[in-house]
C-alpha atoms as a PDB file:
ATOM      1  CA  MET A   1       7.507  43.539 -87.742  1.00  0.00           C
ATOM      2  CA  THR A   2       5.886  40.471 -88.484  1.00  0.00           C
ATOM      3  CA  ALA A   3       4.630  38.707 -85.646  1.00  0.00           C
ATOM      4  CA  TYR A   4       6.535  35.232 -86.330  1.00  0.00           C
ATOM      5  CA  ALA A   5       5.899  33.989 -82.832  1.00  0.00           C
ATOM      6  CA  HIS A   6       2.214  34.419 -83.509  1.00  0.00           C
ATOM      7  CA  GLY A   7       2.175  33.070 -86.413  1.00  0.00           C
ATOM      8  CA  GLU A   8       4.433  29.928 -84.905  1.00  0.00           C
ATOM      9  CA  ARG A   9       1.463  29.397 -82.645  1.00  0.00           C
ATOM     10  CA  LEU A  10      -1.455  30.080 -85.098  1.00  0.00           C
ATOM     11  CA  GLN A  11       0.127  27.305 -87.356  1.00  0.00           C
ATOM     12  CA  LEU A  12       0.798  24.986 -83.845  1.00  0.00           C
ATOM     13  CA  VAL A  13      -3.671  25.464 -83.044  1.00  0.00           C
ATOM     14  CA  SER A  14      -4.459  24.637 -86.362  1.00  0.00           C
ATOM     15  CA  LEU A  15      -1.792  21.564 -86.945  1.00  0.00           C
ATOM     16  CA  LEU A  16      -3.065  20.112 -83.576  1.00  0.00           C
ATOM     17  CA  ARG A  17      -6.836  20.745 -84.418  1.00  0.00           C
ATOM     18  CA  GLN A  18      -6.178  18.362 -87.271  1.00  0.00           C
ATOM     19  CA  VAL A  19      -4.319  15.677 -85.359  1.00  0.00           C
ATOM     20  CA  GLY A  20      -5.765  15.692 -82.355  1.00  0.00           C
ATOM     21  CA  PRO A  21      -4.801  15.416 -78.264  1.00  0.00           C
ATOM     22  CA  ASP A  22      -3.524  11.601 -78.664  1.00  0.00           C
ATOM     23  CA  ALA A  23      -0.830  12.297 -81.516  1.00  0.00           C
ATOM     24  CA  PRO A  24       2.527  11.897 -80.907  1.00  0.00           C
ATOM     25  CA  THR A  25       5.355  14.863 -80.360  1.00  0.00           C
ATOM     26  CA  LEU A  26       8.990  14.599 -80.103  1.00  0.00           C
ATOM     27  CA  CYS A  27       8.923  15.640 -76.601  1.00  0.00           C
ATOM     28  CA  GLU A  28       9.790  12.511 -74.852  1.00  0.00           C
ATOM     29  CA  GLY A  29       6.726  10.670 -72.759  1.00  0.00           C
ATOM     30  CA  TRP A  30       4.558  13.950 -74.151  1.00  0.00           C
ATOM     31  CA  ASP A  31       1.422  13.577 -76.611  1.00  0.00           C
ATOM     32  CA  ALA A  32      -0.119  16.359 -78.284  1.00  0.00           C
ATOM     33  CA  ARG A  33      -2.216  17.177 -75.073  1.00  0.00           C
ATOM     34  CA  ASP A  34       0.400  17.063 -72.582  1.00  0.00           C
ATOM     35  CA  LEU A  35       2.108  19.523 -74.219  1.00  0.00           C
ATOM     36  CA  VAL A  36      -0.500  21.872 -74.925  1.00  0.00           C
ATOM     37  CA  ALA A  37      -0.992  21.864 -71.203  1.00  0.00           C
ATOM     38  CA  HIS A  38       2.599  22.470 -70.846  1.00  0.00           C
ATOM     39  CA  LEU A  39       2.099  25.742 -72.884  1.00  0.00           C
ATOM     40  CA  LEU A  40      -0.773  26.680 -71.223  1.00  0.00           C
ATOM     41  CA  ALA A  41       0.725  26.186 -67.825  1.00  0.00           C
ATOM     42  CA  ARG A  42       3.513  28.437 -68.877  1.00  0.00           C
ATOM     43  CA  GLU A  43       2.694  31.392 -69.540  1.00  0.00           C
ATOM     44  CA  ARG A  44      -1.100  30.991 -67.982  1.00  0.00           C
ATOM     45  CA  ARG A  45      -0.089  30.294 -64.826  1.00  0.00           C
ATOM     46  CA  PRO A  46       3.518  31.260 -64.266  1.00  0.00           C
ATOM     47  CA  ASP A  47       3.737  30.239 -60.330  1.00  0.00           C
ATOM     48  CA  SER A  48       3.859  26.870 -61.795  1.00  0.00           C
ATOM     49  CA  GLY A  49       7.162  27.038 -63.568  1.00  0.00           C
ATOM     50  CA  VAL A  50       8.970  28.074 -59.741  1.00  0.00           C
ATOM     51  CA  GLY A  51       8.918  24.087 -60.245  1.00  0.00           C
ATOM     52  CA  LEU A  52      11.372  23.812 -63.386  1.00  0.00           C
ATOM     53  CA  LEU A  53      13.615  25.517 -61.126  1.00  0.00           C
ATOM     54  CA  VAL A  54      13.317  24.272 -57.939  1.00  0.00           C
ATOM     55  CA  ARG A  55      13.117  20.551 -57.951  1.00  0.00           C
ATOM     56  CA  PRO A  56      11.336  20.252 -54.594  1.00  0.00           C
ATOM     57  CA  LEU A  57       8.421  22.085 -56.473  1.00  0.00           C
ATOM     58  CA  ALA A  58       8.049  20.458 -59.143  1.00  0.00           C
ATOM     59  CA  GLY A  59       5.138  18.189 -58.066  1.00  0.00           C
ATOM     60  CA  TRP A  60       3.541  21.753 -57.445  1.00  0.00           C
ATOM     61  CA  SER A  61       4.288  22.360 -61.635  1.00  0.00           C
ATOM     62  CA  GLU A  62       2.956  18.564 -62.882  1.00  0.00           C
ATOM     63  CA  ARG A  63      -0.233  19.419 -60.670  1.00  0.00           C
ATOM     64  CA  VAL A  64      -0.688  22.683 -62.538  1.00  0.00           C
ATOM     65  CA  ARG A  65      -0.080  21.070 -65.971  1.00  0.00           C
ATOM     66  CA  HIS A  66      -2.418  17.616 -65.027  1.00  0.00           C
ATOM     67  CA  GLY A  67      -5.301  20.503 -64.579  1.00  0.00           C
ATOM     68  CA  TYR A  68      -4.901  21.838 -67.994  1.00  0.00           C
ATOM     69  CA  ALA A  69      -4.638  18.366 -69.751  1.00  0.00           C
ATOM     70  CA  GLU A  70      -7.816  17.343 -67.943  1.00  0.00           C
ATOM     71  CA  GLN A  71      -9.645  19.948 -69.859  1.00  0.00           C
ATOM     72  CA  ASP A  72     -11.703  19.611 -73.140  1.00  0.00           C
ATOM     73  CA  TRP A  73      -9.559  19.659 -76.212  1.00  0.00           C
ATOM     74  CA  ASP A  74     -11.240  22.251 -78.112  1.00  0.00           C
ATOM     75  CA  VAL A  75     -11.447  24.570 -74.974  1.00  0.00           C
ATOM     76  CA  LEU A  76      -7.705  24.097 -74.372  1.00  0.00           C
ATOM     77  CA  LEU A  77      -6.611  25.022 -78.286  1.00  0.00           C
ATOM     78  CA  ASP A  78      -8.716  27.999 -78.086  1.00  0.00           C
ATOM     79  CA  LEU A  79      -6.853  29.005 -75.470  1.00  0.00           C
ATOM     80  CA  LEU A  80      -3.576  28.466 -76.552  1.00  0.00           C
ATOM     81  CA  ALA A  81      -4.662  30.400 -80.045  1.00  0.00           C
ATOM     82  CA  ALA A  82      -5.579  33.607 -77.761  1.00  0.00           C
ATOM     83  CA  PRO A  83      -2.710  33.833 -75.204  1.00  0.00           C
ATOM     84  CA  PRO A  84      -3.252  36.223 -72.640  1.00  0.00           C
ATOM     85  CA  TRP A  85      -2.252  40.076 -72.525  1.00  0.00           C
ATOM     86  CA  TRP A  86      -1.063  39.666 -68.762  1.00  0.00           C
ATOM     87  CA  SER A  87       1.235  36.912 -69.183  1.00  0.00           C
ATOM     88  CA  PRO A  88       4.727  38.047 -68.573  1.00  0.00           C
ATOM     89  CA  VAL A  89       5.988  35.532 -71.352  1.00  0.00           C
ATOM     90  CA  SER A  90       3.292  36.235 -73.915  1.00  0.00           C
ATOM     91  CA  ASN A  91       2.322  40.062 -73.648  1.00  0.00           C
ATOM     92  CA  PRO A  92       2.513  42.356 -77.160  1.00  0.00           C
ATOM     93  CA  LEU A  93       6.115  43.636 -75.454  1.00  0.00           C
ATOM     94  CA  THR A  94       7.696  40.009 -74.571  1.00  0.00           C
ATOM     95  CA  ASP A  95       5.644  37.366 -76.925  1.00  0.00           C
ATOM     96  CA  GLU A  96       8.157  38.513 -79.807  1.00  0.00           C
ATOM     97  CA  LEU A  97      11.452  37.613 -78.257  1.00  0.00           C
ATOM     98  CA  VAL A  98      10.030  34.666 -75.788  1.00  0.00           C
ATOM     99  CA  ASN A  99       7.805  32.991 -77.884  1.00  0.00           C
ATOM    100  CA  THR A 100       9.540  32.969 -81.392  1.00  0.00           C
ATOM    101  CA  MET A 101      11.862  29.783 -80.524  1.00  0.00           C
ATOM    102  CA  GLU A 102       9.329  28.133 -78.294  1.00  0.00           C
ATOM    103  CA  MET A 103       6.705  28.142 -80.850  1.00  0.00           C
ATOM    104  CA  PHE A 104       8.573  27.376 -83.780  1.00  0.00           C
ATOM    105  CA  LEU A 105      10.001  24.192 -81.530  1.00  0.00           C
ATOM    106  CA  HIS A 106       7.251  22.629 -80.221  1.00  0.00           C
ATOM    107  CA  HIS A 107       5.459  23.192 -83.709  1.00  0.00           C
ATOM    108  CA  GLU A 108       8.243  21.210 -85.248  1.00  0.00           C
ATOM    109  CA  ASP A 109       7.857  19.441 -81.984  1.00  0.00           C
ATOM    110  CA  VAL A 110       4.291  17.870 -83.638  1.00  0.00           C
ATOM    111  CA  ARG A 111       5.281  18.071 -87.025  1.00  0.00           C
ATOM    112  CA  ARG A 112       7.949  15.858 -87.204  1.00  0.00           C
ATOM    113  CA  ALA A 113       6.737  13.674 -84.896  1.00  0.00           C
ATOM    114  CA  ARG A 114       3.948  12.358 -88.098  1.00  0.00           C
ATOM    115  CA  PRO A 115       5.321  10.136 -90.830  1.00  0.00           C
ATOM    116  CA  GLU A 116       7.164  11.879 -94.107  1.00  0.00           C
ATOM    117  CA  TRP A 117       6.980  15.081 -92.542  1.00  0.00           C
ATOM    118  CA  GLN A 118       9.251  17.616 -94.460  1.00  0.00           C
ATOM    119  CA  PRO A 119      11.580  20.820 -93.359  1.00  0.00           C
ATOM    120  CA  ARG A 120       9.863  23.803 -94.337  1.00  0.00           C
ATOM    121  CA  ASP A 121      10.666  26.645 -96.382  1.00  0.00           C
ATOM    122  CA  LEU A 122      10.939  29.698 -93.748  1.00  0.00           C
ATOM    123  CA  PRO A 123      11.091  32.857 -95.025  1.00  0.00           C
ATOM    124  CA  ILE A 124      14.570  34.924 -94.440  1.00  0.00           C
ATOM    125  CA  GLU A 125      13.431  36.842 -91.889  1.00  0.00           C
ATOM    126  CA  LEU A 126      12.396  34.134 -89.454  1.00  0.00           C
ATOM    127  CA  ASN A 127      15.595  32.266 -90.193  1.00  0.00           C
ATOM    128  CA  GLU A 128      17.351  35.340 -89.298  1.00  0.00           C
ATOM    129  CA  LEU A 129      15.668  35.222 -85.759  1.00  0.00           C
ATOM    130  CA  LEU A 130      16.222  31.774 -85.125  1.00  0.00           C
ATOM    131  CA  TRP A 131      19.710  32.547 -86.437  1.00  0.00           C
ATOM    132  CA  ARG A 132      19.789  34.665 -83.053  1.00  0.00           C
ATOM    133  CA  ARG A 133      17.864  32.505 -80.667  1.00  0.00           C
ATOM    134  CA  LEU A 134      19.964  30.081 -81.618  1.00  0.00           C
ATOM    135  CA  SER A 135      23.561  31.933 -80.671  1.00  0.00           C
ATOM    136  CA  MET A 136      21.645  32.538 -77.835  1.00  0.00           C
ATOM    137  CA  LEU A 137      20.515  28.749 -76.893  1.00  0.00           C
ATOM    138  CA  THR A 138      23.977  27.217 -76.959  1.00  0.00           C
ATOM    139  CA  THR A 139      25.666  29.416 -74.633  1.00  0.00           C
ATOM    140  CA  VAL A 140      23.985  27.508 -72.222  1.00  0.00           C
ATOM    141  CA  SER A 141      22.993  23.767 -73.958  1.00  0.00           C
ATOM    142  CA  MET A 142      26.340  23.224 -75.383  1.00  0.00           C
ATOM    143  CA  ARG A 143      28.871  24.873 -72.497  1.00  0.00           C
ATOM    144  CA  ARG A 144      29.663  21.464 -70.990  1.00  0.00           C
ATOM    145  CA  LEU A 145      29.982  19.474 -74.649  1.00  0.00           C
ATOM    146  CA  PRO A 146      32.969  16.581 -74.571  1.00  0.00           C
ATOM    147  CA  VAL A 147      33.254  18.085 -78.264  1.00  0.00           C
ATOM    148  CA  ARG A 148      34.291  21.465 -80.111  1.00  0.00           C
ATOM    149  CA  VAL A 149      31.121  22.193 -82.227  1.00  0.00           C
ATOM    150  CA  THR A 150      30.476  24.883 -85.045  1.00  0.00           C
ATOM    151  CA  LEU A 151      27.238  25.432 -86.332  1.00  0.00           C
ATOM    152  CA  ALA A 152      27.403  26.750 -89.569  1.00  0.00           C
ATOM    153  CA  ALA A 153      24.320  28.293 -91.347  1.00  0.00           C
ATOM    154  CA  PRO A 154      24.993  29.572 -94.688  1.00  0.00           C
ATOM    155  CA  GLU A 155      24.345  33.025 -95.597  1.00  0.00           C
ATOM    156  CA  TYR A 156      23.417  33.860 -91.635  1.00  0.00           C
ATOM    157  CA  GLY A 157      26.648  32.889 -89.809  1.00  0.00           C
ATOM    158  CA  GLU A 158      28.563  30.538 -87.930  1.00  0.00           C
ATOM    159  CA  ARG A 159      29.180  30.057 -84.504  1.00  0.00           C
ATOM    160  CA  THR A 160      31.652  27.564 -82.223  1.00  0.00           C
ATOM    161  CA  VAL A 161      31.229  26.263 -79.089  1.00  0.00           C
ATOM    162  CA  GLY A 162      32.947  23.658 -76.648  1.00  0.00           C
ATOM    163  CA  ALA A 163      36.499  22.136 -76.841  1.00  0.00           C
ATOM    164  CA  GLY A 164      37.560  18.932 -77.824  1.00  0.00           C
ATOM    165  CA  PRO A 165      37.649  17.184 -81.089  1.00  0.00           C
ATOM    166  CA  HIS A 166      36.594  19.551 -83.673  1.00  0.00           C
ATOM    167  CA  VAL A 167      32.718  18.781 -85.232  1.00  0.00           C
ATOM    168  CA  ARG A 168      31.113  21.150 -87.843  1.00  0.00           C
ATOM    169  CA  LEU A 169      27.122  21.029 -87.768  1.00  0.00           C
ATOM    170  CA  THR A 170      26.004  22.887 -91.265  1.00  0.00           C
ATOM    171  CA  GLY A 171      22.021  23.246 -92.448  1.00  0.00           C
ATOM    172  CA  PRO A 172      19.738  26.267 -92.044  1.00  0.00           C
ATOM    173  CA  PRO A 173      19.137  28.075 -88.671  1.00  0.00           C
ATOM    174  CA  GLY A 174      15.576  26.209 -87.733  1.00  0.00           C
ATOM    175  CA  GLU A 175      17.368  22.905 -88.324  1.00  0.00           C
ATOM    176  CA  LEU A 176      20.470  23.814 -86.292  1.00  0.00           C
ATOM    177  CA  LEU A 177      18.258  25.107 -83.597  1.00  0.00           C
ATOM    178  CA  VAL A 178      16.318  21.447 -83.326  1.00  0.00           C
ATOM    179  CA  PHE A 179      19.300  19.948 -82.523  1.00  0.00           C
ATOM    180  CA  ALA A 180      20.745  22.254 -80.494  1.00  0.00           C
ATOM    181  CA  SER A 181      17.760  22.127 -78.563  1.00  0.00           C
ATOM    182  CA  GLY A 182      17.443  18.051 -77.832  1.00  0.00           C
ATOM    183  CA  ARG A 183      16.161  16.679 -80.997  1.00  0.00           C
ATOM    184  CA  GLN A 184      19.088  16.165 -82.903  1.00  0.00           C
ATOM    185  CA  ASP A 185      17.684  12.499 -84.502  1.00  0.00           C
ATOM    186  CA  ALA A 186      15.145  15.253 -85.669  1.00  0.00           C
ATOM    187  CA  ALA A 187      17.218  17.733 -87.672  1.00  0.00           C
ATOM    188  CA  ARG A 188      18.070  17.329 -91.064  1.00  0.00           C
ATOM    189  CA  LEU A 189      21.482  18.630 -91.473  1.00  0.00           C
ATOM    190  CA  SER A 190      24.708  17.759 -92.481  1.00  0.00           C
ATOM    191  CA  ALA A 191      27.880  16.736 -90.147  1.00  0.00           C
ATOM    192  CA  GLU A 192      31.718  16.455 -90.729  1.00  0.00           C
ATOM    193  CA  GLY A 193      33.944  15.106 -88.297  1.00  0.00           C
ATOM    194  CA  PRO A 194      35.815  12.057 -86.163  1.00  0.00           C
ATOM    195  CA  SER A 195      32.480   9.640 -86.470  1.00  0.00           C
ATOM    196  CA  GLU A 196      32.925   8.961 -83.078  1.00  0.00           C
ATOM    197  CA  SER A 197      32.976  12.473 -81.714  1.00  0.00           C
ATOM    198  CA  VAL A 198      29.434  12.934 -84.169  1.00  0.00           C
ATOM    199  CA  GLN A 199      27.589  10.370 -82.901  1.00  0.00           C
ATOM    200  CA  ALA A 200      28.781  11.134 -78.742  1.00  0.00           C
ATOM    201  CA  LEU A 201      27.162  14.631 -79.782  1.00  0.00           C
ATOM    202  CA  ARG A 202      24.008  13.248 -81.627  1.00  0.00           C
ATOM    203  CA  GLU A 203      23.597  11.347 -78.068  1.00  0.00           C
ATOM    204  CA  ALA A 204      24.527  14.248 -75.780  1.00  0.00           C
ATOM    205  CA  ARG A 205      22.074  15.394 -73.884  1.00  0.00           C
ATOM    206  CA  PHE A 206      22.235  19.176 -74.234  1.00  0.00           C
ATOM    207  CA  ALA A 207      22.124  21.263 -70.926  1.00  0.00           C
ATOM    208  CA  MET A 208      18.183  23.314 -71.001  1.00  0.00           C
END
């Protein structure tokens, strides 16, 4: 089985070495250094993740992330390229399941924040993985939408979520995943439906 999670990780690290720590990303308020610090805290300090679920502990999560952000850039990238085997989110048993979508999206966060970026031609197997991850993501992210959305990936399948006026989004699994993860403006796909519903969907804040 191809390790797409690790492949996306290494491509992300390679790109980060090119663009530097101050490069913009699609993550609002974060530059490349902030994004790397988030990824390192996520897999090397699992205790810091509690702050993402328990609001009063959010300050603790931020302190851990800032601690990483203050380190040397090359050191941070070396750490990101070699995830710890003991981490609950990056060990050999969980890496592909947990990190394929995570690394793909954050790779795109850096790629698509650059001028003149173009969508990648992804392998069929990776598209299939992203389609499965998309099906799981939309169960959470789109459950409260004011529109009914059909996500259509030709050759991979369709999935409909929500209730209300119908909008159909068509594109490759990766583009649909970018859209459904809250990065609507960065996704290249076609949208069919009432114009006001399409606009509402593009402006929606998805639950993550």
